[in-house]
Amino acid sequence: MRSSDPVAALLDFARSHGVGHIIIGRSNQAKWRQRLGMTADARLLREGEGFDIHVVSFESHEEKRP
């Protein structure tokens, strides 16, 4: 399936295939996009009614605190 909107495509696929859980990584997009809720993870949380959506993040070695 090809789509110019990956969030809509993911939700359409999940609905048509009986998916109940969606696990995604936290967005690394610009902070202003994150604050405005324009990132894919924020949109999935907002538009993914009926799904259990889990957002995970992985710290890089540079981000780890001592």
C-alpha atoms as a PDB file:
ATOM      1  CA  MET A   1       0.000   0.000   0.000  1.00  0.00           C
ATOM      2  CA  ARG A   2       1.339   3.445  -0.905  1.00  0.00           C
ATOM      3  CA  SER A   3       0.185   6.619   0.729  1.00  0.00           C
ATOM      4  CA  SER A   4       1.312  10.199   1.071  1.00  0.00           C
ATOM      5  CA  ASP A   5       0.162  10.008   4.710  1.00  0.00           C
ATOM      6  CA  PRO A   6       1.941   7.200   6.599  1.00  0.00           C
ATOM      7  CA  VAL A   7      -0.209   7.606   9.727  1.00  0.00           C
ATOM      8  CA  ALA A   8      -3.440   7.138   7.786  1.00  0.00           C
ATOM      9  CA  ALA A   9      -1.936   4.198   5.890  1.00  0.00           C
ATOM     10  CA  LEU A  10      -0.806   2.496   9.101  1.00  0.00           C
ATOM     11  CA  LEU A  11      -4.198   2.940  10.746  1.00  0.00           C
ATOM     12  CA  ASP A  12      -6.040   1.719   7.619  1.00  0.00           C
ATOM     13  CA  PHE A  13      -3.809  -1.362   7.463  1.00  0.00           C
ATOM     14  CA  ALA A  14      -4.262  -2.067  11.168  1.00  0.00           C
ATOM     15  CA  ARG A  15      -8.045  -1.768  10.940  1.00  0.00           C
ATOM     16  CA  SER A  16      -8.308  -3.970   7.851  1.00  0.00           C
ATOM     17  CA  HIS A  17      -6.089  -6.695   9.353  1.00  0.00           C
ATOM     18  CA  GLY A  18      -7.566  -6.855  12.849  1.00  0.00           C
ATOM     19  CA  VAL A  19      -4.533  -5.390  14.608  1.00  0.00           C
ATOM     20  CA  GLY A  20      -5.116  -4.447  18.239  1.00  0.00           C
ATOM     21  CA  HIS A  21      -1.682  -3.219  19.351  1.00  0.00           C
ATOM     22  CA  ILE A  22       0.665  -0.781  17.631  1.00  0.00           C
ATOM     23  CA  ILE A  23       4.215  -0.272  18.895  1.00  0.00           C
ATOM     24  CA  ILE A  24       6.162   2.682  17.509  1.00  0.00           C
ATOM     25  CA  GLY A  25       9.365   4.520  18.291  1.00  0.00           C
ATOM     26  CA  ARG A  26       9.397   8.043  19.641  1.00  0.00           C
ATOM     27  CA  SER A  27       9.813  10.712  16.984  1.00  0.00           C
ATOM     28  CA  ASN A  28      13.137  12.455  16.461  1.00  0.00           C
ATOM     29  CA  GLN A  29      11.570  15.329  14.539  1.00  0.00           C
ATOM     30  CA  ALA A  30      12.094  18.982  15.367  1.00  0.00           C
ATOM     31  CA  LYS A  31      10.944  20.063  18.824  1.00  0.00           C
ATOM     32  CA  TRP A  32       8.478  22.594  17.392  1.00  0.00           C
ATOM     33  CA  ARG A  33       6.734  19.816  15.434  1.00  0.00           C
ATOM     34  CA  GLN A  34       6.576  17.720  18.603  1.00  0.00           C
ATOM     35  CA  ARG A  35       5.081  20.571  20.617  1.00  0.00           C
ATOM     36  CA  LEU A  36       2.426  21.199  17.978  1.00  0.00           C
ATOM     37  CA  GLY A  37       1.498  17.498  17.887  1.00  0.00           C
ATOM     38  CA  MET A  38       2.515  17.149  14.246  1.00  0.00           C
ATOM     39  CA  THR A  39       4.775  14.107  14.643  1.00  0.00           C
ATOM     40  CA  ALA A  40       3.707  10.626  13.589  1.00  0.00           C
ATOM     41  CA  ASP A  41       3.699   9.307  17.146  1.00  0.00           C
ATOM     42  CA  ALA A  42       1.513  12.190  18.397  1.00  0.00           C
ATOM     43  CA  ARG A  43      -0.886  11.773  15.472  1.00  0.00           C
ATOM     44  CA  LEU A  44      -1.160   8.023  16.043  1.00  0.00           C
ATOM     45  CA  LEU A  45      -2.013   8.599  19.681  1.00  0.00           C
ATOM     46  CA  ARG A  46      -4.617  11.199  18.714  1.00  0.00           C
ATOM     47  CA  GLU A  47      -6.140   9.375  15.729  1.00  0.00           C
ATOM     48  CA  GLY A  48      -5.688   5.742  16.779  1.00  0.00           C
ATOM     49  CA  GLU A  49      -8.919   5.313  18.686  1.00  0.00           C
ATOM     50  CA  GLY A  50      -9.599   1.667  19.432  1.00  0.00           C
ATOM     51  CA  PHE A  51      -5.937   0.611  19.378  1.00  0.00           C
ATOM     52  CA  ASP A  52      -3.505   0.017  22.203  1.00  0.00           C
ATOM     53  CA  ILE A  53      -0.617   2.233  21.110  1.00  0.00           C
ATOM     54  CA  HIS A  54       2.767   1.962  22.793  1.00  0.00           C
ATOM     55  CA  VAL A  55       5.453   4.577  22.153  1.00  0.00           C
ATOM     56  CA  VAL A  56       8.970   3.438  23.026  1.00  0.00           C
ATOM     57  CA  SER A  57      12.215   5.328  22.942  1.00  0.00           C
ATOM     58  CA  PHE A  58      15.781   4.202  22.893  1.00  0.00           C
ATOM     59  CA  GLU A  59      18.536   6.365  24.248  1.00  0.00           C
ATOM     60  CA  SER A  60      21.644   6.624  22.144  1.00  0.00           C
ATOM     61  CA  HIS A  61      25.006   6.284  23.862  1.00  0.00           C
ATOM     62  CA  GLU A  62      25.409  10.059  23.806  1.00  0.00           C
ATOM     63  CA  GLU A  63      22.080  10.603  25.586  1.00  0.00           C
ATOM     64  CA  LYS A  64      22.704   8.255  28.486  1.00  0.00           C
ATOM     65  CA  ARG A  65      23.357   9.890  31.789  1.00  0.00           C
ATOM     66  CA  PRO A  66      26.135   8.747  34.103  1.00  0.00           C
END
